[in-house]
Amino acid sequence: MDIDGKRWTVKDRYGNFIYLTQERWKHIIDPLNHPEIEDYEEYLKVTISEGKRRQFPQHPDKYRYRHFFDDLSEDVNCIEVIVKFGFDNQGMPSNRIVTAYFKQILKR
């Protein structure tokens, strides 16, 4: 973990660096949120680096990254990761994961 609380940073397929903080990881795996994703942290990296993304129309600074996996439980086939894009105090890109969860989606 970095001194600034980042667990890791990964580059998405569009050339953006996305990071996960320790604070957000604790939020994601909290028993009241998405504890089932705790064993799938590496899948989050794959979702960001290989997945497709969609911008939220109501929140143009947020994107939903989605990637399908064949080895999740029978109830789910996809991981979604929500990323908030922005800039730090020096004007550098600061794109952070807000949350992540499993989802069952019909493939198109």
PDB file of N, CA and C in Angstrom:
ATOM      1  N   MET A   1       0.842  -1.175   0.000  1.00  0.00           N
ATOM      2  CA  MET A   1       0.000   0.000   0.000  1.00  0.00           C
ATOM      3  C   MET A   1       0.889   1.241   0.000  1.00  0.00           C
ATOM      4  N   ASP A   2       0.531   2.226  -0.830  1.00  0.00           N
ATOM      5  CA  ASP A   2       1.257   3.491  -0.910  1.00  0.00           C
ATOM      6  C   ASP A   2       1.072   4.302   0.372  1.00  0.00           C
ATOM      7  N   ILE A   3       1.915   5.277   0.524  1.00  0.00           N
ATOM      8  CA  ILE A   3       1.827   6.192   1.662  1.00  0.00           C
ATOM      9  C   ILE A   3       0.515   6.985   1.627  1.00  0.00           C
ATOM     10  N   ASP A   4      -0.052   7.185   0.440  1.00  0.00           N
ATOM     11  CA  ASP A   4      -1.299   7.947   0.320  1.00  0.00           C
ATOM     12  C   ASP A   4      -2.546   7.074   0.428  1.00  0.00           C
ATOM     13  N   GLY A   5      -2.380   5.822   0.836  1.00  0.00           N
ATOM     14  CA  GLY A   5      -3.522   4.942   1.065  1.00  0.00           C
ATOM     15  C   GLY A   5      -3.947   4.112  -0.122  1.00  0.00           C
ATOM     16  N   LYS A   6      -3.232   4.201  -1.241  1.00  0.00           N
ATOM     17  CA  LYS A   6      -3.594   3.405  -2.418  1.00  0.00           C
ATOM     18  C   LYS A   6      -3.151   1.961  -2.231  1.00  0.00           C
ATOM     19  N   ARG A   7      -4.070   1.037  -2.476  1.00  0.00           N
ATOM     20  CA  ARG A   7      -3.734  -0.395  -2.462  1.00  0.00           C
ATOM     21  C   ARG A   7      -3.007  -0.762  -3.741  1.00  0.00           C
ATOM     22  N   TRP A   8      -3.552  -0.268  -4.863  1.00  0.00           N
ATOM     23  CA  TRP A   8      -2.945  -0.523  -6.171  1.00  0.00           C
ATOM     24  C   TRP A   8      -3.502   0.440  -7.200  1.00  0.00           C
ATOM     25  N   THR A   9      -2.778   0.511  -8.315  1.00  0.00           N
ATOM     26  CA  THR A   9      -3.190   1.317  -9.463  1.00  0.00           C
ATOM     27  C   THR A   9      -3.060   0.436 -10.695  1.00  0.00           C
ATOM     28  N   VAL A  10      -4.013   0.556 -11.606  1.00  0.00           N
ATOM     29  CA  VAL A  10      -3.984  -0.216 -12.846  1.00  0.00           C
ATOM     30  C   VAL A  10      -4.425   0.703 -13.994  1.00  0.00           C
ATOM     31  N   LYS A  11      -3.923   0.425 -15.163  1.00  0.00           N
ATOM     32  CA  LYS A  11      -4.257   1.217 -16.345  1.00  0.00           C
ATOM     33  C   LYS A  11      -5.434   0.570 -17.070  1.00  0.00           C
ATOM     34  N   ASP A  12      -6.445   1.368 -17.419  1.00  0.00           N
ATOM     35  CA  ASP A  12      -7.574   0.818 -18.161  1.00  0.00           C
ATOM     36  C   ASP A  12      -7.256   0.744 -19.649  1.00  0.00           C
ATOM     37  N   ARG A  13      -8.131   0.160 -20.414  1.00  0.00           N
ATOM     38  CA  ARG A  13      -7.889  -0.032 -21.845  1.00  0.00           C
ATOM     39  C   ARG A  13      -7.938   1.272 -22.628  1.00  0.00           C
ATOM     40  N   TYR A  14      -8.304   2.347 -21.963  1.00  0.00           N
ATOM     41  CA  TYR A  14      -8.381   3.660 -22.604  1.00  0.00           C
ATOM     42  C   TYR A  14      -7.199   4.550 -22.232  1.00  0.00           C
ATOM     43  N   GLY A  15      -6.249   3.998 -21.450  1.00  0.00           N
ATOM     44  CA  GLY A  15      -5.043   4.725 -21.084  1.00  0.00           C
ATOM     45  C   GLY A  15      -5.111   5.500 -19.780  1.00  0.00           C
ATOM     46  N   ASN A  16      -6.205   5.342 -19.030  1.00  0.00           N
ATOM     47  CA  ASN A  16      -6.367   6.035 -17.752  1.00  0.00           C
ATOM     48  C   ASN A  16      -5.854   5.176 -16.600  1.00  0.00           C
ATOM     49  N   PHE A  17      -5.179   5.799 -15.654  1.00  0.00           N
ATOM     50  CA  PHE A  17      -4.755   5.103 -14.451  1.00  0.00           C
ATOM     51  C   PHE A  17      -5.860   5.219 -13.408  1.00  0.00           C
ATOM     52  N   ILE A  18      -6.274   4.068 -12.864  1.00  0.00           N
ATOM     53  CA  ILE A  18      -7.356   3.971 -11.894  1.00  0.00           C
ATOM     54  C   ILE A  18      -6.772   3.344 -10.629  1.00  0.00           C
ATOM     55  N   TYR A  19      -7.131   3.883  -9.468  1.00  0.00           N
ATOM     56  CA  TYR A  19      -6.590   3.311  -8.244  1.00  0.00           C
ATOM     57  C   TYR A  19      -7.689   2.948  -7.249  1.00  0.00           C
ATOM     58  N   LEU A  20      -7.321   2.021  -6.365  1.00  0.00           N
ATOM     59  CA  LEU A  20      -8.184   1.597  -5.267  1.00  0.00           C
ATOM     60  C   LEU A  20      -7.485   1.964  -3.965  1.00  0.00           C
ATOM     61  N   THR A  21      -8.190   2.662  -3.078  1.00  0.00           N
ATOM     62  CA  THR A  21      -7.620   2.997  -1.775  1.00  0.00           C
ATOM     63  C   THR A  21      -7.986   1.925  -0.749  1.00  0.00           C
ATOM     64  N   GLN A  22      -7.233   1.895   0.317  1.00  0.00           N
ATOM     65  CA  GLN A  22      -7.538   0.984   1.421  1.00  0.00           C
ATOM     66  C   GLN A  22      -8.913   1.310   2.001  1.00  0.00           C
ATOM     67  N   GLU A  23      -9.226   2.585   2.118  1.00  0.00           N
ATOM     68  CA  GLU A  23     -10.527   3.000   2.650  1.00  0.00           C
ATOM     69  C   GLU A  23     -11.678   2.475   1.792  1.00  0.00           C
ATOM     70  N   ARG A  24     -11.556   2.576   0.474  1.00  0.00           N
ATOM     71  CA  ARG A  24     -12.625   2.091  -0.416  1.00  0.00           C
ATOM     72  C   ARG A  24     -12.701   0.576  -0.393  1.00  0.00           C
ATOM     73  N   TRP A  25     -11.560  -0.103  -0.268  1.00  0.00           N
ATOM     74  CA  TRP A  25     -11.570  -1.561  -0.191  1.00  0.00           C
ATOM     75  C   TRP A  25     -12.338  -1.998   1.058  1.00  0.00           C
ATOM     76  N   LYS A  26     -12.075  -1.345   2.198  1.00  0.00           N
ATOM     77  CA  LYS A  26     -12.805  -1.670   3.424  1.00  0.00           C
ATOM     78  C   LYS A  26     -14.300  -1.424   3.238  1.00  0.00           C
ATOM     79  N   HIS A  27     -14.656  -0.351   2.538  1.00  0.00           N
ATOM     80  CA  HIS A  27     -16.067  -0.065   2.253  1.00  0.00           C
ATOM     81  C   HIS A  27     -16.690  -1.189   1.421  1.00  0.00           C
ATOM     82  N   ILE A  28     -15.999  -1.591   0.367  1.00  0.00           N
ATOM     83  CA  ILE A  28     -16.539  -2.612  -0.543  1.00  0.00           C
ATOM     84  C   ILE A  28     -16.796  -3.917   0.198  1.00  0.00           C
ATOM     85  N   ILE A  29     -15.822  -4.373   0.981  1.00  0.00           N
ATOM     86  CA  ILE A  29     -15.952  -5.695   1.624  1.00  0.00           C
ATOM     87  C   ILE A  29     -16.649  -5.645   2.984  1.00  0.00           C
ATOM     88  N   ASP A  30     -17.114  -4.486   3.392  1.00  0.00           N
ATOM     89  CA  ASP A  30     -17.861  -4.359   4.643  1.00  0.00           C
ATOM     90  C   ASP A  30     -19.059  -5.323   4.607  1.00  0.00           C
ATOM     91  N   PRO A  31     -19.360  -5.982   5.713  1.00  0.00           N
ATOM     92  CA  PRO A  31     -20.490  -6.925   5.747  1.00  0.00           C
ATOM     93  C   PRO A  31     -21.823  -6.326   5.298  1.00  0.00           C
ATOM     94  N   LEU A  32     -21.980  -5.019   5.411  1.00  0.00           N
ATOM     95  CA  LEU A  32     -23.227  -4.379   4.979  1.00  0.00           C
ATOM     96  C   LEU A  32     -23.220  -4.004   3.500  1.00  0.00           C
ATOM     97  N   ASN A  33     -22.083  -4.167   2.831  1.00  0.00           N
ATOM     98  CA  ASN A  33     -21.989  -3.786   1.421  1.00  0.00           C
ATOM     99  C   ASN A  33     -21.811  -5.007   0.525  1.00  0.00           C
ATOM    100  N   HIS A  34     -20.586  -5.337   0.155  1.00  0.00           N
ATOM    101  CA  HIS A  34     -20.349  -6.433  -0.793  1.00  0.00           C
ATOM    102  C   HIS A  34     -19.247  -7.365  -0.305  1.00  0.00           C
ATOM    103  N   PRO A  35     -19.412  -7.983   0.862  1.00  0.00           N
ATOM    104  CA  PRO A  35     -18.347  -8.833   1.416  1.00  0.00           C
ATOM    105  C   PRO A  35     -18.002 -10.028   0.529  1.00  0.00           C
ATOM    106  N   GLU A  36     -18.929 -10.441  -0.312  1.00  0.00           N
ATOM    107  CA  GLU A  36     -18.711 -11.589  -1.193  1.00  0.00           C
ATOM    108  C   GLU A  36     -17.606 -11.339  -2.211  1.00  0.00           C
ATOM    109  N   ILE A  37     -17.211 -10.089  -2.399  1.00  0.00           N
ATOM    110  CA  ILE A  37     -16.196  -9.766  -3.405  1.00  0.00           C
ATOM    111  C   ILE A  37     -14.778  -9.820  -2.836  1.00  0.00           C
ATOM    112  N   GLU A  38     -14.640 -10.070  -1.540  1.00  0.00           N
ATOM    113  CA  GLU A  38     -13.321 -10.020  -0.888  1.00  0.00           C
ATOM    114  C   GLU A  38     -12.291 -10.934  -1.543  1.00  0.00           C
ATOM    115  N   ASP A  39     -12.689 -12.116  -1.973  1.00  0.00           N
ATOM    116  CA  ASP A  39     -11.747 -13.064  -2.592  1.00  0.00           C
ATOM    117  C   ASP A  39     -11.501 -12.769  -4.068  1.00  0.00           C
ATOM    118  N   TYR A  40     -12.049 -11.692  -4.582  1.00  0.00           N
ATOM    119  CA  TYR A  40     -11.979 -11.389  -6.011  1.00  0.00           C
ATOM    120  C   TYR A  40     -11.286 -10.065  -6.314  1.00  0.00           C
ATOM    121  N   GLU A  41     -10.387  -9.654  -5.468  1.00  0.00           N
ATOM    122  CA  GLU A  41      -9.710  -8.366  -5.682  1.00  0.00           C
ATOM    123  C   GLU A  41      -8.950  -8.340  -7.012  1.00  0.00           C
ATOM    124  N   GLU A  42      -8.307  -9.430  -7.363  1.00  0.00           N
ATOM    125  CA  GLU A  42      -7.583  -9.479  -8.645  1.00  0.00           C
ATOM    126  C   GLU A  42      -8.541  -9.331  -9.827  1.00  0.00           C
ATOM    127  N   TYR A  43      -9.769  -9.777  -9.670  1.00  0.00           N
ATOM    128  CA  TYR A  43     -10.779  -9.649 -10.714  1.00  0.00           C
ATOM    129  C   TYR A  43     -11.144  -8.180 -10.941  1.00  0.00           C
ATOM    130  N   LEU A  44     -11.065  -7.379  -9.888  1.00  0.00           N
ATOM    131  CA  LEU A  44     -11.317  -5.949 -10.040  1.00  0.00           C
ATOM    132  C   LEU A  44     -10.279  -5.332 -10.963  1.00  0.00           C
ATOM    133  N   LYS A  45      -9.029  -5.744 -10.807  1.00  0.00           N
ATOM    134  CA  LYS A  45      -7.953  -5.236 -11.668  1.00  0.00           C
ATOM    135  C   LYS A  45      -8.218  -5.613 -13.124  1.00  0.00           C
ATOM    136  N   VAL A  46      -8.646  -6.854 -13.346  1.00  0.00           N
ATOM    137  CA  VAL A  46      -8.955  -7.304 -14.708  1.00  0.00           C
ATOM    138  C   VAL A  46     -10.141  -6.529 -15.263  1.00  0.00           C
ATOM    139  N   THR A  47     -11.144  -6.295 -14.428  1.00  0.00           N
ATOM    140  CA  THR A  47     -12.317  -5.543 -14.865  1.00  0.00           C
ATOM    141  C   THR A  47     -11.913  -4.151 -15.330  1.00  0.00           C
ATOM    142  N   ILE A  48     -11.042  -3.494 -14.594  1.00  0.00           N
ATOM    143  CA  ILE A  48     -10.580  -2.165 -14.996  1.00  0.00           C
ATOM    144  C   ILE A  48      -9.700  -2.240 -16.238  1.00  0.00           C
ATOM    145  N   SER A  49      -8.767  -3.165 -16.281  1.00  0.00           N
ATOM    146  CA  SER A  49      -7.804  -3.195 -17.391  1.00  0.00           C
ATOM    147  C   SER A  49      -8.376  -3.747 -18.691  1.00  0.00           C
ATOM    148  N   GLU A  50      -9.358  -4.640 -18.607  1.00  0.00           N
ATOM    149  CA  GLU A  50      -9.879  -5.275 -19.824  1.00  0.00           C
ATOM    150  C   GLU A  50     -11.355  -4.989 -20.092  1.00  0.00           C
ATOM    151  N   GLY A  51     -12.068  -4.529 -19.083  1.00  0.00           N
ATOM    152  CA  GLY A  51     -13.510  -4.349 -19.221  1.00  0.00           C
ATOM    153  C   GLY A  51     -13.894  -3.139 -20.050  1.00  0.00           C
ATOM    154  N   LYS A  52     -15.152  -3.133 -20.428  1.00  0.00           N
ATOM    155  CA  LYS A  52     -15.711  -1.979 -21.136  1.00  0.00           C
ATOM    156  C   LYS A  52     -16.309  -1.042 -20.109  1.00  0.00           C
ATOM    157  N   ARG A  53     -16.443   0.213 -20.483  1.00  0.00           N
ATOM    158  CA  ARG A  53     -16.994   1.179 -19.544  1.00  0.00           C
ATOM    159  C   ARG A  53     -18.123   1.976 -20.169  1.00  0.00           C
ATOM    160  N   ARG A  54     -18.965   2.503 -19.296  1.00  0.00           N
ATOM    161  CA  ARG A  54     -20.072   3.379 -19.691  1.00  0.00           C
ATOM    162  C   ARG A  54     -20.125   4.545 -18.743  1.00  0.00           C
ATOM    163  N   GLN A  55     -20.341   5.704 -19.287  1.00  0.00           N
ATOM    164  CA  GLN A  55     -20.447   6.913 -18.483  1.00  0.00           C
ATOM    165  C   GLN A  55     -21.868   7.029 -17.926  1.00  0.00           C
ATOM    166  N   PHE A  56     -21.978   7.480 -16.691  1.00  0.00           N
ATOM    167  CA  PHE A  56     -23.288   7.737 -16.100  1.00  0.00           C
ATOM    168  C   PHE A  56     -23.818   9.042 -16.686  1.00  0.00           C
ATOM    169  N   PRO A  57     -24.976   9.045 -17.336  1.00  0.00           N
ATOM    170  CA  PRO A  57     -25.499  10.279 -17.925  1.00  0.00           C
ATOM    171  C   PRO A  57     -25.728  11.383 -16.894  1.00  0.00           C
ATOM    172  N   GLN A  58     -26.184  11.001 -15.700  1.00  0.00           N
ATOM    173  CA  GLN A  58     -26.484  11.991 -14.666  1.00  0.00           C
ATOM    174  C   GLN A  58     -25.224  12.504 -13.956  1.00  0.00           C
ATOM    175  N   HIS A  59     -24.132  11.731 -14.038  1.00  0.00           N
ATOM    176  CA  HIS A  59     -22.874  12.064 -13.366  1.00  0.00           C
ATOM    177  C   HIS A  59     -21.724  11.854 -14.347  1.00  0.00           C
ATOM    178  N   PRO A  60     -21.415  12.841 -15.169  1.00  0.00           N
ATOM    179  CA  PRO A  60     -20.404  12.646 -16.215  1.00  0.00           C
ATOM    180  C   PRO A  60     -19.000  12.353 -15.700  1.00  0.00           C
ATOM    181  N   ASP A  61     -18.761  12.504 -14.392  1.00  0.00           N
ATOM    182  CA  ASP A  61     -17.450  12.178 -13.838  1.00  0.00           C
ATOM    183  C   ASP A  61     -17.370  10.736 -13.350  1.00  0.00           C
ATOM    184  N   LYS A  62     -18.467   9.966 -13.484  1.00  0.00           N
ATOM    185  CA  LYS A  62     -18.490   8.570 -13.041  1.00  0.00           C
ATOM    186  C   LYS A  62     -18.672   7.625 -14.226  1.00  0.00           C
ATOM    187  N   TYR A  63     -17.962   6.483 -14.122  1.00  0.00           N
ATOM    188  CA  TYR A  63     -18.036   5.445 -15.143  1.00  0.00           C
ATOM    189  C   TYR A  63     -18.264   4.090 -14.483  1.00  0.00           C
ATOM    190  N   ARG A  64     -19.010   3.234 -15.169  1.00  0.00           N
ATOM    191  CA  ARG A  64     -19.223   1.854 -14.750  1.00  0.00           C
ATOM    192  C   ARG A  64     -18.376   0.969 -15.657  1.00  0.00           C
ATOM    193  N   TYR A  65     -17.421   0.276 -15.072  1.00  0.00           N
ATOM    194  CA  TYR A  65     -16.619  -0.706 -15.804  1.00  0.00           C
ATOM    195  C   TYR A  65     -17.254  -2.068 -15.586  1.00  0.00           C
ATOM    196  N   ARG A  66     -17.324  -2.863 -16.643  1.00  0.00           N
ATOM    197  CA  ARG A  66     -17.986  -4.168 -16.573  1.00  0.00           C
ATOM    198  C   ARG A  66     -17.147  -5.200 -17.314  1.00  0.00           C
ATOM    199  N   HIS A  67     -17.019  -6.366 -16.667  1.00  0.00           N
ATOM    200  CA  HIS A  67     -16.306  -7.464 -17.326  1.00  0.00           C
ATOM    201  C   HIS A  67     -16.970  -8.781 -16.928  1.00  0.00           C
ATOM    202  N   PHE A  68     -17.133  -9.653 -17.912  1.00  0.00           N
ATOM    203  CA  PHE A  68     -17.740 -10.958 -17.689  1.00  0.00           C
ATOM    204  C   PHE A  68     -16.646 -11.977 -17.371  1.00  0.00           C
ATOM    205  N   PHE A  69     -16.978 -12.899 -16.449  1.00  0.00           N
ATOM    206  CA  PHE A  69     -16.072 -13.973 -16.051  1.00  0.00           C
ATOM    207  C   PHE A  69     -16.842 -15.280 -16.081  1.00  0.00           C
ATOM    208  N   ASP A  70     -16.163 -16.355 -16.481  1.00  0.00           N
ATOM    209  CA  ASP A  70     -16.798 -17.671 -16.538  1.00  0.00           C
ATOM    210  C   ASP A  70     -16.704 -18.434 -15.220  1.00  0.00           C
ATOM    211  N   ASP A  71     -15.877 -17.972 -14.294  1.00  0.00           N
ATOM    212  CA  ASP A  71     -15.632 -18.754 -13.083  1.00  0.00           C
ATOM    213  C   ASP A  71     -16.170 -18.115 -11.809  1.00  0.00           C
ATOM    214  N   LEU A  72     -17.202 -17.294 -11.934  1.00  0.00           N
ATOM    215  CA  LEU A  72     -17.874 -16.758 -10.752  1.00  0.00           C
ATOM    216  C   LEU A  72     -18.948 -17.755 -10.333  1.00  0.00           C
ATOM    217  N   SER A  73     -19.711 -17.455  -9.313  1.00  0.00           N
ATOM    218  CA  SER A  73     -20.754 -18.380  -8.864  1.00  0.00           C
ATOM    219  C   SER A  73     -21.833 -18.513  -9.934  1.00  0.00           C
ATOM    220  N   GLU A  74     -22.685 -19.499  -9.770  1.00  0.00           N
ATOM    221  CA  GLU A  74     -23.739 -19.726 -10.772  1.00  0.00           C
ATOM    222  C   GLU A  74     -24.762 -18.601 -10.811  1.00  0.00           C
ATOM    223  N   ASP A  75     -24.805 -17.775  -9.773  1.00  0.00           N
ATOM    224  CA  ASP A  75     -25.773 -16.688  -9.705  1.00  0.00           C
ATOM    225  C   ASP A  75     -25.308 -15.405 -10.378  1.00  0.00           C
ATOM    226  N   VAL A  76     -24.012 -15.287 -10.635  1.00  0.00           N
ATOM    227  CA  VAL A  76     -23.470 -14.059 -11.212  1.00  0.00           C
ATOM    228  C   VAL A  76     -22.479 -14.391 -12.318  1.00  0.00           C
ATOM    229  N   ASN A  77     -22.323 -13.471 -13.266  1.00  0.00           N
ATOM    230  CA  ASN A  77     -21.379 -13.690 -14.357  1.00  0.00           C
ATOM    231  C   ASN A  77     -20.546 -12.455 -14.671  1.00  0.00           C
ATOM    232  N   CYS A  78     -20.661 -11.432 -13.831  1.00  0.00           N
ATOM    233  CA  CYS A  78     -20.061 -10.152 -14.157  1.00  0.00           C
ATOM    234  C   CYS A  78     -19.625  -9.429 -12.885  1.00  0.00           C
ATOM    235  N   ILE A  79     -18.566  -8.655 -13.028  1.00  0.00           N
ATOM    236  CA  ILE A  79     -18.171  -7.734 -11.972  1.00  0.00           C
ATOM    237  C   ILE A  79     -18.294  -6.332 -12.531  1.00  0.00           C
ATOM    238  N   GLU A  80     -18.896  -5.455 -11.735  1.00  0.00           N
ATOM    239  CA  GLU A  80     -18.981  -4.045 -12.092  1.00  0.00           C
ATOM    240  C   GLU A  80     -18.177  -3.242 -11.081  1.00  0.00           C
ATOM    241  N   VAL A  81     -17.455  -2.256 -11.592  1.00  0.00           N
ATOM    242  CA  VAL A  81     -16.643  -1.376 -10.761  1.00  0.00           C
ATOM    243  C   VAL A  81     -17.022   0.056 -11.124  1.00  0.00           C
ATOM    244  N   ILE A  82     -17.343   0.852 -10.120  1.00  0.00           N
ATOM    245  CA  ILE A  82     -17.697   2.256 -10.339  1.00  0.00           C
ATOM    246  C   ILE A  82     -16.461   3.109 -10.049  1.00  0.00           C
ATOM    247  N   VAL A  83     -16.111   3.967 -11.014  1.00  0.00           N
ATOM    248  CA  VAL A  83     -14.922   4.807 -10.916  1.00  0.00           C
ATOM    249  C   VAL A  83     -15.322   6.271 -11.040  1.00  0.00           C
ATOM    250  N   LYS A  84     -14.784   7.077 -10.147  1.00  0.00           N
ATOM    251  CA  LYS A  84     -14.994   8.530 -10.197  1.00  0.00           C
ATOM    252  C   LYS A  84     -13.726   9.177 -10.738  1.00  0.00           C
ATOM    253  N   PHE A  85     -13.868   9.887 -11.838  1.00  0.00           N
ATOM    254  CA  PHE A  85     -12.757  10.588 -12.465  1.00  0.00           C
ATOM    255  C   PHE A  85     -12.665  11.999 -11.901  1.00  0.00           C
ATOM    256  N   GLY A  86     -11.454  12.497 -11.762  1.00  0.00           N
ATOM    257  CA  GLY A  86     -11.262  13.843 -11.256  1.00  0.00           C
ATOM    258  C   GLY A  86      -9.801  14.240 -11.321  1.00  0.00           C
ATOM    259  N   PHE A  87      -9.441  15.276 -10.577  1.00  0.00           N
ATOM    260  CA  PHE A  87      -8.078  15.796 -10.553  1.00  0.00           C
ATOM    261  C   PHE A  87      -7.668  16.070  -9.114  1.00  0.00           C
ATOM    262  N   ASP A  88      -6.371  15.911  -8.828  1.00  0.00           N
ATOM    263  CA  ASP A  88      -5.872  16.215  -7.493  1.00  0.00           C
ATOM    264  C   ASP A  88      -5.551  17.703  -7.370  1.00  0.00           C
ATOM    265  N   ASN A  89      -4.970  18.100  -6.257  1.00  0.00           N
ATOM    266  CA  ASN A  89      -4.663  19.513  -5.998  1.00  0.00           C
ATOM    267  C   ASN A  89      -3.656  20.113  -6.969  1.00  0.00           C
ATOM    268  N   GLN A  90      -2.843  19.266  -7.602  1.00  0.00           N
ATOM    269  CA  GLN A  90      -1.862  19.742  -8.577  1.00  0.00           C
ATOM    270  C   GLN A  90      -2.392  19.683 -10.012  1.00  0.00           C
ATOM    271  N   GLY A  91      -3.654  19.335 -10.167  1.00  0.00           N
ATOM    272  CA  GLY A  91      -4.248  19.255 -11.496  1.00  0.00           C
ATOM    273  C   GLY A  91      -3.958  17.967 -12.233  1.00  0.00           C
ATOM    274  N   MET A  92      -3.422  16.971 -11.533  1.00  0.00           N
ATOM    275  CA  MET A  92      -3.133  15.675 -12.144  1.00  0.00           C
ATOM    276  C   MET A  92      -4.378  14.785 -12.063  1.00  0.00           C
ATOM    277  N   PRO A  93      -4.576  13.892 -13.049  1.00  0.00           N
ATOM    278  CA  PRO A  93      -5.724  12.985 -13.001  1.00  0.00           C
ATOM    279  C   PRO A  93      -5.725  12.162 -11.711  1.00  0.00           C
ATOM    280  N   SER A  94      -6.890  12.026 -11.130  1.00  0.00           N
ATOM    281  CA  SER A  94      -7.067  11.252  -9.902  1.00  0.00           C
ATOM    282  C   SER A  94      -8.357  10.454 -10.051  1.00  0.00           C
ATOM    283  N   ASN A  95      -8.231   9.259 -10.566  1.00  0.00           N
ATOM    284  CA  ASN A  95      -9.379   8.427 -10.918  1.00  0.00           C
ATOM    285  C   ASN A  95      -9.458   7.258  -9.944  1.00  0.00           C
ATOM    286  N   ARG A  96     -10.482   7.272  -9.085  1.00  0.00           N
ATOM    287  CA  ARG A  96     -10.521   6.294  -8.010  1.00  0.00           C
ATOM    288  C   ARG A  96     -11.760   5.413  -8.065  1.00  0.00           C
ATOM    289  N   ILE A  97     -11.573   4.188  -7.619  1.00  0.00           N
ATOM    290  CA  ILE A  97     -12.684   3.255  -7.497  1.00  0.00           C
ATOM    291  C   ILE A  97     -13.545   3.668  -6.313  1.00  0.00           C
ATOM    292  N   VAL A  98     -14.847   3.713  -6.543  1.00  0.00           N
ATOM    293  CA  VAL A  98     -15.801   4.069  -5.502  1.00  0.00           C
ATOM    294  C   VAL A  98     -16.383   2.810  -4.865  1.00  0.00           C
ATOM    295  N   THR A  99     -16.787   1.851  -5.707  1.00  0.00           N
ATOM    296  CA  THR A  99     -17.331   0.591  -5.209  1.00  0.00           C
ATOM    297  C   THR A  99     -17.222  -0.466  -6.302  1.00  0.00           C
ATOM    298  N   ALA A 100     -17.502  -1.703  -5.913  1.00  0.00           N
ATOM    299  CA  ALA A 100     -17.473  -2.829  -6.852  1.00  0.00           C
ATOM    300  C   ALA A 100     -18.432  -3.896  -6.337  1.00  0.00           C
ATOM    301  N   TYR A 101     -18.994  -4.663  -7.265  1.00  0.00           N
ATOM    302  CA  TYR A 101     -19.974  -5.667  -6.875  1.00  0.00           C
ATOM    303  C   TYR A 101     -20.159  -6.677  -8.001  1.00  0.00           C
ATOM    304  N   PHE A 102     -20.760  -7.833  -7.639  1.00  0.00           N
ATOM    305  CA  PHE A 102     -21.138  -8.849  -8.621  1.00  0.00           C
ATOM    306  C   PHE A 102     -22.478  -8.479  -9.243  1.00  0.00           C
ATOM    307  N   LYS A 103     -22.689  -9.013 -10.436  1.00  0.00           N
ATOM    308  CA  LYS A 103     -23.966  -8.778 -11.107  1.00  0.00           C
ATOM    309  C   LYS A 103     -24.245  -9.935 -12.062  1.00  0.00           C
ATOM    310  N   GLN A 104     -25.499 -10.244 -12.246  1.00  0.00           N
ATOM    311  CA  GLN A 104     -25.929 -11.219 -13.250  1.00  0.00           C
ATOM    312  C   GLN A 104     -26.507 -10.442 -14.415  1.00  0.00           C
ATOM    313  N   ILE A 105     -25.906 -10.581 -15.582  1.00  0.00           N
ATOM    314  CA  ILE A 105     -26.334  -9.820 -16.758  1.00  0.00           C
ATOM    315  C   ILE A 105     -26.423 -10.761 -17.952  1.00  0.00           C
ATOM    316  N   LEU A 106     -27.458 -10.593 -18.741  1.00  0.00           N
ATOM    317  CA  LEU A 106     -27.546 -11.353 -19.982  1.00  0.00           C
ATOM    318  C   LEU A 106     -26.549 -10.758 -20.957  1.00  0.00           C
ATOM    319  N   LYS A 107     -25.696 -11.612 -21.511  1.00  0.00           N
ATOM    320  CA  LYS A 107     -24.690 -11.139 -22.471  1.00  0.00           C
ATOM    321  C   LYS A 107     -25.359 -10.759 -23.770  1.00  0.00           C
ATOM    322  N   ARG A 108     -24.825  -9.699 -24.397  1.00  0.00           N
ATOM    323  CA  ARG A 108     -25.358  -9.277 -25.696  1.00  0.00           C
ATOM    324  C   ARG A 108     -24.328  -9.473 -26.760  1.00  0.00           C
TER     325      ARG A 108
END
